[in-house]
Amino acid sequence: MKLVSVKPSHDGVHKYEATFDNDGRKKTTKFGAKGMGDYTKTHDKEQRARYITRHQKDMSTNDPTRAGFLSRYLLWGESTSMMSNLRSYRARFNL
């Protein structure tokens, strides 16, 4: 599995879409609610902690291509920088 790209979504509902390649098969996952804040925008550590607690159930799938994983690690990651979170996400899940 390889993460090919993360780019803004143009559907009016989501912030981003991630495209994965799994042995020639493409999978696109849209994530992040458009119009809602996230850690990369608000820089609010308490809000981040609440988000992580509230969405812990999303991690039970153990599937890093799911929207819950993408939001957790890219929008609510350790850094307020999307690029830094993207590098960490790729390294963590070997993508």
C-alpha atoms as a PDB file:
ATOM      1  CA  MET A   1       0.000   0.000   0.000  1.00  0.00           C
ATOM      2  CA  LYS A   2       1.295   3.428  -0.932  1.00  0.00           C
ATOM      3  CA  LEU A   3      -0.092   6.891  -0.261  1.00  0.00           C
ATOM      4  CA  VAL A   4      -0.051   8.603  -3.650  1.00  0.00           C
ATOM      5  CA  SER A   5      -1.453  12.038  -2.788  1.00  0.00           C
ATOM      6  CA  VAL A   6      -3.382  14.211  -0.368  1.00  0.00           C
ATOM      7  CA  LYS A   7      -5.137  17.147  -1.972  1.00  0.00           C
ATOM      8  CA  PRO A   8      -8.043  19.488  -1.248  1.00  0.00           C
ATOM      9  CA  SER A   9     -11.461  18.005  -1.898  1.00  0.00           C
ATOM     10  CA  HIS A  10     -13.836  19.885  -4.170  1.00  0.00           C
ATOM     11  CA  ASP A  11     -17.072  18.177  -3.133  1.00  0.00           C
ATOM     12  CA  GLY A  12     -18.087  20.955  -0.718  1.00  0.00           C
ATOM     13  CA  VAL A  13     -18.379  18.506   2.188  1.00  0.00           C
ATOM     14  CA  HIS A  14     -14.821  17.379   2.936  1.00  0.00           C
ATOM     15  CA  LYS A  15     -11.526  19.226   3.383  1.00  0.00           C
ATOM     16  CA  TYR A  16      -9.208  16.714   1.733  1.00  0.00           C
ATOM     17  CA  GLU A  17      -9.026  13.497  -0.217  1.00  0.00           C
ATOM     18  CA  ALA A  18      -6.234  10.947  -0.006  1.00  0.00           C
ATOM     19  CA  THR A  19      -5.440   8.556  -2.829  1.00  0.00           C
ATOM     20  CA  PHE A  20      -3.798   5.198  -2.137  1.00  0.00           C
ATOM     21  CA  ASP A  21      -2.372   2.610  -4.517  1.00  0.00           C
ATOM     22  CA  ASN A  22      -2.526  -1.034  -3.532  1.00  0.00           C
ATOM     23  CA  ASP A  23      -0.858  -3.126  -6.251  1.00  0.00           C
ATOM     24  CA  GLY A  24      -2.390  -1.055  -9.053  1.00  0.00           C
ATOM     25  CA  ARG A  25      -5.796  -0.615  -7.422  1.00  0.00           C
ATOM     26  CA  LYS A  26      -6.599   2.995  -6.478  1.00  0.00           C
ATOM     27  CA  LYS A  27      -8.586   3.913  -3.393  1.00  0.00           C
ATOM     28  CA  THR A  28      -9.672   7.470  -2.624  1.00  0.00           C
ATOM     29  CA  THR A  29     -10.796   8.459   0.862  1.00  0.00           C
ATOM     30  CA  LYS A  30     -12.313  11.857   1.620  1.00  0.00           C
ATOM     31  CA  PHE A  31     -11.841  13.169   5.141  1.00  0.00           C
ATOM     32  CA  GLY A  32     -12.210  16.227   7.347  1.00  0.00           C
ATOM     33  CA  ALA A  33     -15.496  18.123   7.605  1.00  0.00           C
ATOM     34  CA  LYS A  34     -15.344  21.329   5.593  1.00  0.00           C
ATOM     35  CA  GLY A  35     -16.143  24.355   7.745  1.00  0.00           C
ATOM     36  CA  MET A  36     -14.999  22.707  10.982  1.00  0.00           C
ATOM     37  CA  GLY A  37     -11.823  23.591  12.836  1.00  0.00           C
ATOM     38  CA  ASP A  38      -8.934  21.191  13.317  1.00  0.00           C
ATOM     39  CA  TYR A  39      -5.591  21.305  15.122  1.00  0.00           C
ATOM     40  CA  THR A  40      -3.727  22.533  12.033  1.00  0.00           C
ATOM     41  CA  LYS A  41      -5.968  25.622  12.052  1.00  0.00           C
ATOM     42  CA  THR A  42      -6.855  26.280  15.704  1.00  0.00           C
ATOM     43  CA  HIS A  43      -3.604  25.171  17.408  1.00  0.00           C
ATOM     44  CA  ASP A  44      -5.771  24.424  20.485  1.00  0.00           C
ATOM     45  CA  LYS A  45      -4.198  21.568  22.475  1.00  0.00           C
ATOM     46  CA  GLU A  46      -7.279  21.047  24.663  1.00  0.00           C
ATOM     47  CA  GLN A  47      -9.515  20.786  21.598  1.00  0.00           C
ATOM     48  CA  ARG A  48      -7.067  18.274  20.119  1.00  0.00           C
ATOM     49  CA  ALA A  49      -7.153  16.149  23.279  1.00  0.00           C
ATOM     50  CA  ARG A  50     -10.975  16.163  23.272  1.00  0.00           C
ATOM     51  CA  TYR A  51     -11.050  15.188  19.582  1.00  0.00           C
ATOM     52  CA  ILE A  52      -8.673  12.266  20.152  1.00  0.00           C
ATOM     53  CA  THR A  53     -10.716  11.003  23.113  1.00  0.00           C
ATOM     54  CA  ARG A  54     -14.008  11.374  21.254  1.00  0.00           C
ATOM     55  CA  HIS A  55     -12.761   9.586  18.125  1.00  0.00           C
ATOM     56  CA  GLN A  56     -10.752   6.792  19.765  1.00  0.00           C
ATOM     57  CA  LYS A  57     -13.281   4.295  18.361  1.00  0.00           C
ATOM     58  CA  ASP A  58     -12.146   5.195  14.819  1.00  0.00           C
ATOM     59  CA  MET A  59      -8.766   3.636  15.576  1.00  0.00           C
ATOM     60  CA  SER A  60     -10.269   0.179  16.222  1.00  0.00           C
ATOM     61  CA  THR A  61     -10.367  -0.569  12.472  1.00  0.00           C
ATOM     62  CA  ASN A  62      -6.548  -0.612  12.258  1.00  0.00           C
ATOM     63  CA  ASP A  63      -6.929   0.613   8.663  1.00  0.00           C
ATOM     64  CA  PRO A  64      -4.819   3.718   7.956  1.00  0.00           C
ATOM     65  CA  THR A  65      -6.737   4.351   4.711  1.00  0.00           C
ATOM     66  CA  ARG A  66      -9.975   5.121   6.569  1.00  0.00           C
ATOM     67  CA  ALA A  67     -11.190   8.675   7.087  1.00  0.00           C
ATOM     68  CA  GLY A  68     -10.903   8.415  10.876  1.00  0.00           C
ATOM     69  CA  PHE A  69      -7.195   7.557  10.678  1.00  0.00           C
ATOM     70  CA  LEU A  70      -6.506  10.286   8.137  1.00  0.00           C
ATOM     71  CA  SER A  71      -8.269  12.926  10.222  1.00  0.00           C
ATOM     72  CA  ARG A  72      -6.610  11.778  13.438  1.00  0.00           C
ATOM     73  CA  TYR A  73      -3.060  11.740  12.103  1.00  0.00           C
ATOM     74  CA  LEU A  74      -3.137  14.525   9.497  1.00  0.00           C
ATOM     75  CA  LEU A  75      -5.573  17.102  10.891  1.00  0.00           C
ATOM     76  CA  TRP A  76      -5.205  16.323  14.599  1.00  0.00           C
ATOM     77  CA  GLY A  77      -1.608  15.025  14.643  1.00  0.00           C
ATOM     78  CA  GLU A  78       1.255  16.027  16.905  1.00  0.00           C
ATOM     79  CA  SER A  79       2.073  19.127  14.878  1.00  0.00           C
ATOM     80  CA  THR A  80       0.029  22.081  13.685  1.00  0.00           C
ATOM     81  CA  SER A  81       1.757  21.620  10.318  1.00  0.00           C
ATOM     82  CA  MET A  82      -0.098  19.428   7.824  1.00  0.00           C
ATOM     83  CA  MET A  83       3.181  18.622   6.029  1.00  0.00           C
ATOM     84  CA  SER A  84       4.862  17.513   9.245  1.00  0.00           C
ATOM     85  CA  ASN A  85       1.860  15.356  10.131  1.00  0.00           C
ATOM     86  CA  LEU A  86       1.868  13.866   6.639  1.00  0.00           C
ATOM     87  CA  ARG A  87       5.532  12.845   6.972  1.00  0.00           C
ATOM     88  CA  SER A  88       4.835  11.273  10.373  1.00  0.00           C
ATOM     89  CA  TYR A  89       1.747   9.460   9.038  1.00  0.00           C
ATOM     90  CA  ARG A  90       3.691   7.966   6.107  1.00  0.00           C
ATOM     91  CA  ALA A  91       6.474   6.806   8.422  1.00  0.00           C
ATOM     92  CA  ARG A  92       4.117   5.409  11.080  1.00  0.00           C
ATOM     93  CA  PHE A  93       2.114   3.319   8.614  1.00  0.00           C
ATOM     94  CA  ASN A  94       4.925   2.615   6.137  1.00  0.00           C
ATOM     95  CA  LEU A  95       3.088   4.286   3.280  1.00  0.00           C
END
